[in-house]
């Protein structure tokens, strides 16, 4: 399993509209989870689960695309789309090498 991870901080004044919009998006996606920092209010991460590196890259590309339904989230981000950070992570085994589960 791979993870596509998106991280951003929203403008405090946009919190309620952001949460309403994000809840709508998450309700129709079965492979994404939304988290807020416990020590840093308004810092959010989206965790997208993918079965392969290729699927994770597709998610990343779609998440950053200007035509994506998720693109509007950038309107709530402090600093706009330039402050949206998206990475892909791969599994590792206990020895710190690439997992055989990929």
PDB file of N, CA and C in Angstrom:
ATOM      1  N   UNK A   1       0.843  -1.174   0.000  1.00  0.00           N
ATOM      2  CA  UNK A   1       0.000   0.000   0.000  1.00  0.00           C
ATOM      3  C   UNK A   1       0.891   1.240   0.000  1.00  0.00           C
ATOM      4  N   UNK A   2       0.542   2.198  -0.824  1.00  0.00           N
ATOM      5  CA  UNK A   2       1.223   3.486  -0.895  1.00  0.00           C
ATOM      6  C   UNK A   2       0.299   4.540  -0.306  1.00  0.00           C
ATOM      7  N   UNK A   3       0.882   5.660   0.067  1.00  0.00           N
ATOM      8  CA  UNK A   3       0.105   6.769   0.604  1.00  0.00           C
ATOM      9  C   UNK A   3       0.463   8.035  -0.155  1.00  0.00           C
ATOM     10  N   UNK A   4      -0.553   8.751  -0.551  1.00  0.00           N
ATOM     11  CA  UNK A   4      -0.388  10.103  -1.081  1.00  0.00           C
ATOM     12  C   UNK A   4      -0.833  11.024   0.051  1.00  0.00           C
ATOM     13  N   UNK A   5       0.032  11.942   0.428  1.00  0.00           N
ATOM     14  CA  UNK A   5      -0.141  12.752   1.628  1.00  0.00           C
ATOM     15  C   UNK A   5      -0.161  14.220   1.220  1.00  0.00           C
ATOM     16  N   UNK A   6      -1.247  14.931   1.524  1.00  0.00           N
ATOM     17  CA  UNK A   6      -1.344  16.367   1.229  1.00  0.00           C
ATOM     18  C   UNK A   6      -1.415  17.125   2.553  1.00  0.00           C
ATOM     19  N   UNK A   7      -0.645  18.197   2.664  1.00  0.00           N
ATOM     20  CA  UNK A   7      -0.571  18.967   3.911  1.00  0.00           C
ATOM     21  C   UNK A   7      -0.702  20.446   3.606  1.00  0.00           C
ATOM     22  N   UNK A   8      -1.455  21.153   4.458  1.00  0.00           N
ATOM     23  CA  UNK A   8      -1.653  22.591   4.281  1.00  0.00           C
ATOM     24  C   UNK A   8      -2.253  23.197   5.544  1.00  0.00           C
ATOM     25  N   UNK A   9      -2.110  24.512   5.656  1.00  0.00           N
ATOM     26  CA  UNK A   9      -2.702  25.275   6.759  1.00  0.00           C
ATOM     27  C   UNK A   9      -3.774  26.181   6.159  1.00  0.00           C
ATOM     28  N   UNK A  10      -4.951  26.156   6.765  1.00  0.00           N
ATOM     29  CA  UNK A  10      -6.019  27.014   6.254  1.00  0.00           C
ATOM     30  C   UNK A  10      -6.049  28.331   7.024  1.00  0.00           C
ATOM     31  N   UNK A  11      -6.644  29.330   6.393  1.00  0.00           N
ATOM     32  CA  UNK A  11      -6.848  30.611   7.056  1.00  0.00           C
ATOM     33  C   UNK A  11      -7.862  30.415   8.182  1.00  0.00           C
ATOM     34  N   UNK A  12      -7.569  30.886   9.403  1.00  0.00           N
ATOM     35  CA  UNK A  12      -8.497  30.680  10.520  1.00  0.00           C
ATOM     36  C   UNK A  12      -9.917  31.179  10.236  1.00  0.00           C
ATOM     37  N   UNK A  13     -10.049  32.279   9.530  1.00  0.00           N
ATOM     38  CA  UNK A  13     -11.368  32.816   9.218  1.00  0.00           C
ATOM     39  C   UNK A  13     -12.160  31.979   8.228  1.00  0.00           C
ATOM     40  N   UNK A  14     -11.482  31.064   7.545  1.00  0.00           N
ATOM     41  CA  UNK A  14     -12.136  30.191   6.560  1.00  0.00           C
ATOM     42  C   UNK A  14     -12.435  28.803   7.109  1.00  0.00           C
ATOM     43  N   UNK A  15     -12.251  28.614   8.394  1.00  0.00           N
ATOM     44  CA  UNK A  15     -12.360  27.276   8.979  1.00  0.00           C
ATOM     45  C   UNK A  15     -13.708  26.609   8.700  1.00  0.00           C
ATOM     46  N   UNK A  16     -14.800  27.262   9.014  1.00  0.00           N
ATOM     47  CA  UNK A  16     -16.119  26.637   8.849  1.00  0.00           C
ATOM     48  C   UNK A  16     -16.449  26.351   7.386  1.00  0.00           C
ATOM     49  N   UNK A  17     -16.251  27.318   6.465  1.00  0.00           N
ATOM     50  CA  UNK A  17     -16.508  26.982   5.055  1.00  0.00           C
ATOM     51  C   UNK A  17     -15.589  25.868   4.546  1.00  0.00           C
ATOM     52  N   UNK A  18     -14.329  25.871   4.986  1.00  0.00           N
ATOM     53  CA  UNK A  18     -13.397  24.808   4.594  1.00  0.00           C
ATOM     54  C   UNK A  18     -13.910  23.452   5.062  1.00  0.00           C
ATOM     55  N   UNK A  19     -14.265  23.360   6.345  1.00  0.00           N
ATOM     56  CA  UNK A  19     -14.720  22.083   6.890  1.00  0.00           C
ATOM     57  C   UNK A  19     -15.966  21.580   6.168  1.00  0.00           C
ATOM     58  N   UNK A  20     -16.895  22.470   5.873  1.00  0.00           N
ATOM     59  CA  UNK A  20     -18.111  22.065   5.153  1.00  0.00           C
ATOM     60  C   UNK A  20     -17.758  21.513   3.773  1.00  0.00           C
ATOM     61  N   UNK A  21     -16.876  22.210   3.067  1.00  0.00           N
ATOM     62  CA  UNK A  21     -16.483  21.770   1.725  1.00  0.00           C
ATOM     63  C   UNK A  21     -15.691  20.464   1.789  1.00  0.00           C
ATOM     64  N   UNK A  22     -14.750  20.377   2.709  1.00  0.00           N
ATOM     65  CA  UNK A  22     -13.922  19.172   2.833  1.00  0.00           C
ATOM     66  C   UNK A  22     -14.773  17.959   3.196  1.00  0.00           C
ATOM     67  N   UNK A  23     -15.748  18.142   4.068  1.00  0.00           N
ATOM     68  CA  UNK A  23     -16.625  17.018   4.437  1.00  0.00           C
ATOM     69  C   UNK A  23     -17.386  16.496   3.224  1.00  0.00           C
ATOM     70  N   UNK A  24     -17.835  17.402   2.367  1.00  0.00           N
ATOM     71  CA  UNK A  24     -18.519  16.982   1.136  1.00  0.00           C
ATOM     72  C   UNK A  24     -17.596  16.126   0.283  1.00  0.00           C
ATOM     73  N   UNK A  25     -16.368  16.583   0.093  1.00  0.00           N
ATOM     74  CA  UNK A  25     -15.418  15.856  -0.748  1.00  0.00           C
ATOM     75  C   UNK A  25     -15.084  14.485  -0.168  1.00  0.00           C
ATOM     76  N   UNK A  26     -14.815  14.446   1.126  1.00  0.00           N
ATOM     77  CA  UNK A  26     -14.440  13.190   1.776  1.00  0.00           C
ATOM     78  C   UNK A  26     -15.598  12.188   1.745  1.00  0.00           C
ATOM     79  N   UNK A  27     -16.824  12.681   1.790  1.00  0.00           N
ATOM     80  CA  UNK A  27     -17.982  11.777   1.818  1.00  0.00           C
ATOM     81  C   UNK A  27     -18.145  10.973   0.533  1.00  0.00           C
ATOM     82  N   UNK A  28     -17.567  11.442  -0.568  1.00  0.00           N
ATOM     83  CA  UNK A  28     -17.702  10.717  -1.837  1.00  0.00           C
ATOM     84  C   UNK A  28     -16.417   9.977  -2.232  1.00  0.00           C
ATOM     85  N   UNK A  29     -15.376  10.106  -1.446  1.00  0.00           N
ATOM     86  CA  UNK A  29     -14.105   9.411  -1.701  1.00  0.00           C
ATOM     87  C   UNK A  29     -13.922   8.336  -0.642  1.00  0.00           C
ATOM     88  N   UNK A  30     -13.704   7.103  -1.058  1.00  0.00           N
ATOM     89  CA  UNK A  30     -13.568   6.033  -0.075  1.00  0.00           C
ATOM     90  C   UNK A  30     -12.133   5.783   0.366  1.00  0.00           C
ATOM     91  N   UNK A  31     -11.159   6.384  -0.306  1.00  0.00           N
ATOM     92  CA  UNK A  31      -9.763   6.079   0.031  1.00  0.00           C
ATOM     93  C   UNK A  31      -9.010   7.272   0.608  1.00  0.00           C
ATOM     94  N   UNK A  32      -9.725   8.268   1.129  1.00  0.00           N
ATOM     95  CA  UNK A  32      -9.062   9.444   1.698  1.00  0.00           C
ATOM     96  C   UNK A  32      -9.555   9.676   3.124  1.00  0.00           C
ATOM     97  N   UNK A  33      -8.619  10.101   3.973  1.00  0.00           N
ATOM     98  CA  UNK A  33      -8.921  10.424   5.362  1.00  0.00           C
ATOM     99  C   UNK A  33      -8.372  11.814   5.639  1.00  0.00           C
ATOM    100  N   UNK A  34      -9.119  12.614   6.384  1.00  0.00           N
ATOM    101  CA  UNK A  34      -8.737  13.989   6.688  1.00  0.00           C
ATOM    102  C   UNK A  34      -8.425  14.101   8.175  1.00  0.00           C
ATOM    103  N   UNK A  35      -7.288  14.727   8.494  1.00  0.00           N
ATOM    104  CA  UNK A  35      -6.854  14.896   9.876  1.00  0.00           C
ATOM    105  C   UNK A  35      -6.473  16.353  10.120  1.00  0.00           C
ATOM    106  N   UNK A  36      -6.662  16.787  11.379  1.00  0.00           N
ATOM    107  CA  UNK A  36      -6.216  18.114  11.792  1.00  0.00           C
ATOM    108  C   UNK A  36      -5.172  17.951  12.885  1.00  0.00           C
ATOM    109  N   UNK A  37      -4.151  18.797  12.845  1.00  0.00           N
ATOM    110  CA  UNK A  37      -3.108  18.746  13.860  1.00  0.00           C
ATOM    111  C   UNK A  37      -3.666  19.041  15.244  1.00  0.00           C
ATOM    112  N   UNK A  38      -3.322  18.221  16.218  1.00  0.00           N
ATOM    113  CA  UNK A  38      -3.801  18.446  17.581  1.00  0.00           C
ATOM    114  C   UNK A  38      -3.053  19.589  18.254  1.00  0.00           C
ATOM    115  N   UNK A  39      -1.800  19.792  17.883  1.00  0.00           N
ATOM    116  CA  UNK A  39      -0.994  20.864  18.459  1.00  0.00           C
ATOM    117  C   UNK A  39      -0.989  22.117  17.600  1.00  0.00           C
ATOM    118  N   UNK A  40      -1.500  21.996  16.384  1.00  0.00           N
ATOM    119  CA  UNK A  40      -1.504  23.122  15.453  1.00  0.00           C
ATOM    120  C   UNK A  40      -2.881  23.228  14.798  1.00  0.00           C
ATOM    121  N   UNK A  41      -3.808  23.935  15.432  1.00  0.00           N
ATOM    122  CA  UNK A  41      -5.131  24.091  14.827  1.00  0.00           C
ATOM    123  C   UNK A  41      -5.013  24.680  13.421  1.00  0.00           C
ATOM    124  N   UNK A  42      -5.895  24.239  12.566  1.00  0.00           N
ATOM    125  CA  UNK A  42      -5.978  24.694  11.171  1.00  0.00           C
ATOM    126  C   UNK A  42      -4.881  24.125  10.272  1.00  0.00           C
ATOM    127  N   UNK A  43      -4.073  23.203  10.782  1.00  0.00           N
ATOM    128  CA  UNK A  43      -3.115  22.467   9.955  1.00  0.00           C
ATOM    129  C   UNK A  43      -3.761  21.122   9.633  1.00  0.00           C
ATOM    130  N   UNK A  44      -3.975  20.873   8.345  1.00  0.00           N
ATOM    131  CA  UNK A  44      -4.686  19.668   7.923  1.00  0.00           C
ATOM    132  C   UNK A  44      -3.812  18.801   7.036  1.00  0.00           C
ATOM    133  N   UNK A  45      -4.064  17.497   7.102  1.00  0.00           N
ATOM    134  CA  UNK A  45      -3.450  16.556   6.175  1.00  0.00           C
ATOM    135  C   UNK A  45      -4.546  15.667   5.599  1.00  0.00           C
ATOM    136  N   UNK A  46      -4.386  15.365   4.333  1.00  0.00           N
ATOM    137  CA  UNK A  46      -5.229  14.383   3.659  1.00  0.00           C
ATOM    138  C   UNK A  46      -4.344  13.162   3.452  1.00  0.00           C
ATOM    139  N   UNK A  47      -4.834  12.006   3.821  1.00  0.00           N
ATOM    140  CA  UNK A  47      -4.098  10.764   3.624  1.00  0.00           C
ATOM    141  C   UNK A  47      -4.898   9.914   2.642  1.00  0.00           C
ATOM    142  N   UNK A  48      -4.332   9.725   1.457  1.00  0.00           N
ATOM    143  CA  UNK A  48      -4.957   8.951   0.390  1.00  0.00           C
ATOM    144  C   UNK A  48      -4.271   7.598   0.310  1.00  0.00           C
ATOM    145  N   UNK A  49      -5.025   6.526   0.340  1.00  0.00           N
ATOM    146  CA  UNK A  49      -4.472   5.176   0.231  1.00  0.00           C
ATOM    147  C   UNK A  49      -4.500   4.731  -1.226  1.00  0.00           C
ATOM    148  N   UNK A  50      -3.396   4.131  -1.666  1.00  0.00           N
ATOM    149  CA  UNK A  50      -3.269   3.652  -3.048  1.00  0.00           C
ATOM    150  C   UNK A  50      -2.633   2.270  -3.033  1.00  0.00           C
ATOM    151  N   UNK A  51      -3.044   1.432  -3.966  1.00  0.00           N
ATOM    152  CA  UNK A  51      -2.531   0.057  -4.023  1.00  0.00           C
ATOM    153  C   UNK A  51      -1.180  -0.052  -4.715  1.00  0.00           C
ATOM    154  N   UNK A  52      -0.797   0.977  -5.466  1.00  0.00           N
ATOM    155  CA  UNK A  52       0.465   0.914  -6.212  1.00  0.00           C
ATOM    156  C   UNK A  52       1.074   2.306  -6.306  1.00  0.00           C
ATOM    157  N   UNK A  53       2.338   2.344  -6.706  1.00  0.00           N
ATOM    158  CA  UNK A  53       3.013   3.631  -6.918  1.00  0.00           C
ATOM    159  C   UNK A  53       2.324   4.403  -8.029  1.00  0.00           C
ATOM    160  N   UNK A  54       1.890   3.699  -9.062  1.00  0.00           N
ATOM    161  CA  UNK A  54       1.220   4.358 -10.188  1.00  0.00           C
ATOM    162  C   UNK A  54      -0.100   4.987  -9.748  1.00  0.00           C
ATOM    163  N   UNK A  55      -0.864   4.272  -8.934  1.00  0.00           N
ATOM    164  CA  UNK A  55      -2.125   4.823  -8.437  1.00  0.00           C
ATOM    165  C   UNK A  55      -1.869   6.037  -7.547  1.00  0.00           C
ATOM    166  N   UNK A  56      -0.851   5.969  -6.706  1.00  0.00           N
ATOM    167  CA  UNK A  56      -0.506   7.100  -5.837  1.00  0.00           C
ATOM    168  C   UNK A  56      -0.120   8.319  -6.664  1.00  0.00           C
ATOM    169  N   UNK A  57       0.622   8.113  -7.734  1.00  0.00           N
ATOM    170  CA  UNK A  57       0.998   9.230  -8.604  1.00  0.00           C
ATOM    171  C   UNK A  57      -0.217   9.809  -9.323  1.00  0.00           C
ATOM    172  N   UNK A  58      -1.161   8.948  -9.710  1.00  0.00           N
ATOM    173  CA  UNK A  58      -2.404   9.443 -10.325  1.00  0.00           C
ATOM    174  C   UNK A  58      -3.185  10.300  -9.337  1.00  0.00           C
ATOM    175  N   UNK A  59      -3.256   9.845  -8.087  1.00  0.00           N
ATOM    176  CA  UNK A  59      -3.946  10.612  -7.048  1.00  0.00           C
ATOM    177  C   UNK A  59      -3.264  11.961  -6.868  1.00  0.00           C
ATOM    178  N   UNK A  60      -1.946  11.953  -6.778  1.00  0.00           N
ATOM    179  CA  UNK A  60      -1.183  13.195  -6.594  1.00  0.00           C
ATOM    180  C   UNK A  60      -1.427  14.156  -7.748  1.00  0.00           C
ATOM    181  N   UNK A  61      -1.367  13.635  -8.965  1.00  0.00           N
ATOM    182  CA  UNK A  61      -1.587  14.478 -10.144  1.00  0.00           C
ATOM    183  C   UNK A  61      -3.004  15.052 -10.140  1.00  0.00           C
ATOM    184  N   UNK A  62      -3.988  14.210  -9.859  1.00  0.00           N
ATOM    185  CA  UNK A  62      -5.381  14.667  -9.809  1.00  0.00           C
ATOM    186  C   UNK A  62      -5.574  15.688  -8.696  1.00  0.00           C
ATOM    187  N   UNK A  63      -4.974  15.431  -7.527  1.00  0.00           N
ATOM    188  CA  UNK A  63      -5.133  16.327  -6.376  1.00  0.00           C
ATOM    189  C   UNK A  63      -4.583  17.715  -6.670  1.00  0.00           C
ATOM    190  N   UNK A  64      -3.542  17.807  -7.479  1.00  0.00           N
ATOM    191  CA  UNK A  64      -2.905  19.088  -7.791  1.00  0.00           C
ATOM    192  C   UNK A  64      -3.440  19.729  -9.072  1.00  0.00           C
ATOM    193  N   UNK A  65      -4.258  19.023  -9.819  1.00  0.00           N
ATOM    194  CA  UNK A  65      -4.763  19.519 -11.097  1.00  0.00           C
ATOM    195  C   UNK A  65      -5.747  20.668 -10.888  1.00  0.00           C
ATOM    196  N   UNK A  66      -5.663  21.668 -11.737  1.00  0.00           N
ATOM    197  CA  UNK A  66      -6.550  22.827 -11.634  1.00  0.00           C
ATOM    198  C   UNK A  66      -8.010  22.475 -11.882  1.00  0.00           C
ATOM    199  N   UNK A  67      -8.274  21.364 -12.558  1.00  0.00           N
ATOM    200  CA  UNK A  67      -9.656  20.960 -12.834  1.00  0.00           C
ATOM    201  C   UNK A  67     -10.216  20.018 -11.773  1.00  0.00           C
ATOM    202  N   UNK A  68      -9.406  19.647 -10.804  1.00  0.00           N
ATOM    203  CA  UNK A  68      -9.830  18.721  -9.756  1.00  0.00           C
ATOM    204  C   UNK A  68     -10.917  19.341  -8.882  1.00  0.00           C
ATOM    205  N   UNK A  69     -11.856  18.509  -8.449  1.00  0.00           N
ATOM    206  CA  UNK A  69     -12.880  18.993  -7.517  1.00  0.00           C
ATOM    207  C   UNK A  69     -12.253  19.409  -6.185  1.00  0.00           C
ATOM    208  N   UNK A  70     -11.050  18.918  -5.904  1.00  0.00           N
ATOM    209  CA  UNK A  70     -10.337  19.272  -4.674  1.00  0.00           C
ATOM    210  C   UNK A  70      -9.604  20.604  -4.794  1.00  0.00           C
ATOM    211  N   UNK A  71      -9.466  21.127  -5.976  1.00  0.00           N
ATOM    212  CA  UNK A  71      -8.680  22.349  -6.201  1.00  0.00           C
ATOM    213  C   UNK A  71      -9.210  23.538  -5.404  1.00  0.00           C
ATOM    214  N   UNK A  72     -10.516  23.595  -5.206  1.00  0.00           N
ATOM    215  CA  UNK A  72     -11.104  24.735  -4.484  1.00  0.00           C
ATOM    216  C   UNK A  72     -10.570  24.848  -3.052  1.00  0.00           C
ATOM    217  N   UNK A  73     -10.053  23.763  -2.512  1.00  0.00           N
ATOM    218  CA  UNK A  73      -9.483  23.823  -1.157  1.00  0.00           C
ATOM    219  C   UNK A  73      -8.367  24.857  -1.100  1.00  0.00           C
ATOM    220  N   UNK A  74      -7.679  25.069  -2.208  1.00  0.00           N
ATOM    221  CA  UNK A  74      -6.595  26.060  -2.242  1.00  0.00           C
ATOM    222  C   UNK A  74      -7.088  27.457  -1.891  1.00  0.00           C
ATOM    223  N   UNK A  75      -8.372  27.731  -2.121  1.00  0.00           N
ATOM    224  CA  UNK A  75      -8.941  29.034  -1.762  1.00  0.00           C
ATOM    225  C   UNK A  75      -8.921  29.257  -0.254  1.00  0.00           C
ATOM    226  N   UNK A  76      -8.909  28.191   0.510  1.00  0.00           N
ATOM    227  CA  UNK A  76      -8.920  28.283   1.969  1.00  0.00           C
ATOM    228  C   UNK A  76      -7.513  28.231   2.571  1.00  0.00           C
ATOM    229  N   UNK A  77      -6.524  27.873   1.780  1.00  0.00           N
ATOM    230  CA  UNK A  77      -5.162  27.685   2.280  1.00  0.00           C
ATOM    231  C   UNK A  77      -4.466  29.032   2.463  1.00  0.00           C
ATOM    232  N   UNK A  78      -3.842  29.217   3.619  1.00  0.00           N
ATOM    233  CA  UNK A  78      -3.051  30.424   3.861  1.00  0.00           C
ATOM    234  C   UNK A  78      -1.882  30.419   2.876  1.00  0.00           C
ATOM    235  N   UNK A  79      -1.862  31.374   1.959  1.00  0.00           N
ATOM    236  CA  UNK A  79      -0.821  31.425   0.937  1.00  0.00           C
ATOM    237  C   UNK A  79      -1.233  30.794  -0.382  1.00  0.00           C
ATOM    238  N   UNK A  80      -2.429  30.214  -0.439  1.00  0.00           N
ATOM    239  CA  UNK A  80      -2.945  29.663  -1.688  1.00  0.00           C
ATOM    240  C   UNK A  80      -2.306  28.344  -2.094  1.00  0.00           C
ATOM    241  N   UNK A  81      -2.501  27.987  -3.358  1.00  0.00           N
ATOM    242  CA  UNK A  81      -2.050  26.689  -3.884  1.00  0.00           C
ATOM    243  C   UNK A  81      -0.548  26.464  -3.717  1.00  0.00           C
ATOM    244  N   UNK A  82       0.231  27.534  -3.682  1.00  0.00           N
ATOM    245  CA  UNK A  82       1.684  27.388  -3.519  1.00  0.00           C
ATOM    246  C   UNK A  82       2.045  26.769  -2.166  1.00  0.00           C
ATOM    247  N   UNK A  83       1.137  26.833  -1.209  1.00  0.00           N
ATOM    248  CA  UNK A  83       1.388  26.285   0.131  1.00  0.00           C
ATOM    249  C   UNK A  83       0.746  24.911   0.337  1.00  0.00           C
ATOM    250  N   UNK A  84       0.248  24.318  -0.742  1.00  0.00           N
ATOM    251  CA  UNK A  84      -0.242  22.941  -0.707  1.00  0.00           C
ATOM    252  C   UNK A  84       0.945  22.027  -0.980  1.00  0.00           C
ATOM    253  N   UNK A  85       1.245  21.142  -0.048  1.00  0.00           N
ATOM    254  CA  UNK A  85       2.376  20.227  -0.187  1.00  0.00           C
ATOM    255  C   UNK A  85       1.839  18.808  -0.321  1.00  0.00           C
ATOM    256  N   UNK A  86       2.244  18.114  -1.387  1.00  0.00           N
ATOM    257  CA  UNK A  86       1.755  16.761  -1.647  1.00  0.00           C
ATOM    258  C   UNK A  86       2.946  15.839  -1.890  1.00  0.00           C
ATOM    259  N   UNK A  87       2.974  14.710  -1.179  1.00  0.00           N
ATOM    260  CA  UNK A  87       4.049  13.738  -1.313  1.00  0.00           C
ATOM    261  C   UNK A  87       3.460  12.340  -1.438  1.00  0.00           C
ATOM    262  N   UNK A  88       4.238  11.432  -2.004  1.00  0.00           N
ATOM    263  CA  UNK A  88       3.880  10.017  -2.044  1.00  0.00           C
ATOM    264  C   UNK A  88       4.867   9.253  -1.169  1.00  0.00           C
ATOM    265  N   UNK A  89       4.340   8.323  -0.376  1.00  0.00           N
ATOM    266  CA  UNK A  89       5.161   7.490   0.499  1.00  0.00           C
ATOM    267  C   UNK A  89       4.987   6.032   0.116  1.00  0.00           C
ATOM    268  N   UNK A  90       6.089   5.290   0.211  1.00  0.00           N
ATOM    269  CA  UNK A  90       6.047   3.855  -0.059  1.00  0.00           C
ATOM    270  C   UNK A  90       6.337   3.105   1.235  1.00  0.00           C
ATOM    271  N   UNK A  91       5.897   1.854   1.327  1.00  0.00           N
ATOM    272  CA  UNK A  91       6.142   1.084   2.547  1.00  0.00           C
ATOM    273  C   UNK A  91       7.602   0.661   2.661  1.00  0.00           C
ATOM    274  N   UNK A  92       8.044   0.500   3.900  1.00  0.00           N
ATOM    275  CA  UNK A  92       9.383  -0.030   4.170  1.00  0.00           C
ATOM    276  C   UNK A  92       9.244  -1.171   5.170  1.00  0.00           C
ATOM    277  N   UNK A  93      10.172  -2.101   5.124  1.00  0.00           N
ATOM    278  CA  UNK A  93      10.134  -3.179   6.111  1.00  0.00           C
ATOM    279  C   UNK A  93      10.932  -2.761   7.345  1.00  0.00           C
ATOM    280  N   UNK A  94      11.017  -3.610   8.328  1.00  0.00           N
ATOM    281  CA  UNK A  94      11.658  -3.260   9.600  1.00  0.00           C
ATOM    282  C   UNK A  94      13.155  -2.996   9.472  1.00  0.00           C
ATOM    283  N   UNK A  95      13.771  -3.398   8.377  1.00  0.00           N
ATOM    284  CA  UNK A  95      15.198  -3.139   8.160  1.00  0.00           C
ATOM    285  C   UNK A  95      15.419  -1.818   7.430  1.00  0.00           C
ATOM    286  N   UNK A  96      14.313  -1.130   7.097  1.00  0.00           N
ATOM    287  CA  UNK A  96      14.444   0.160   6.435  1.00  0.00           C
ATOM    288  C   UNK A  96      14.600   0.079   4.938  1.00  0.00           C
ATOM    289  N   UNK A  97      14.312  -1.061   4.349  1.00  0.00           N
ATOM    290  CA  UNK A  97      14.378  -1.199   2.897  1.00  0.00           C
ATOM    291  C   UNK A  97      12.969  -1.274   2.338  1.00  0.00           C
ATOM    292  N   UNK A  98      12.875  -1.194   1.041  1.00  0.00           N
ATOM    293  CA  UNK A  98      11.558  -1.237   0.414  1.00  0.00           C
ATOM    294  C   UNK A  98      10.839  -2.531   0.781  1.00  0.00           C
ATOM    295  N   UNK A  99       9.572  -2.406   1.076  1.00  0.00           N
ATOM    296  CA  UNK A  99       8.774  -3.550   1.486  1.00  0.00           C
ATOM    297  C   UNK A  99       8.527  -4.515   0.331  1.00  0.00           C
ATOM    298  N   UNK A 100       8.373  -5.765   0.669  1.00  0.00           N
ATOM    299  CA  UNK A 100       8.007  -6.760  -0.337  1.00  0.00           C
ATOM    300  C   UNK A 100       6.505  -6.731  -0.599  1.00  0.00           C
ATOM    301  N   UNK A 101       5.772  -5.899   0.143  1.00  0.00           N
ATOM    302  CA  UNK A 101       4.317  -5.815   0.001  1.00  0.00           C
ATOM    303  C   UNK A 101       3.877  -4.845  -1.075  1.00  0.00           C
ATOM    304  N   UNK A 102       4.794  -4.224  -1.783  1.00  0.00           N
ATOM    305  CA  UNK A 102       4.390  -3.231  -2.769  1.00  0.00           C
ATOM    306  C   UNK A 102       4.017  -3.937  -3.995  1.00  0.00           C
TER     307      UNK A 102
END
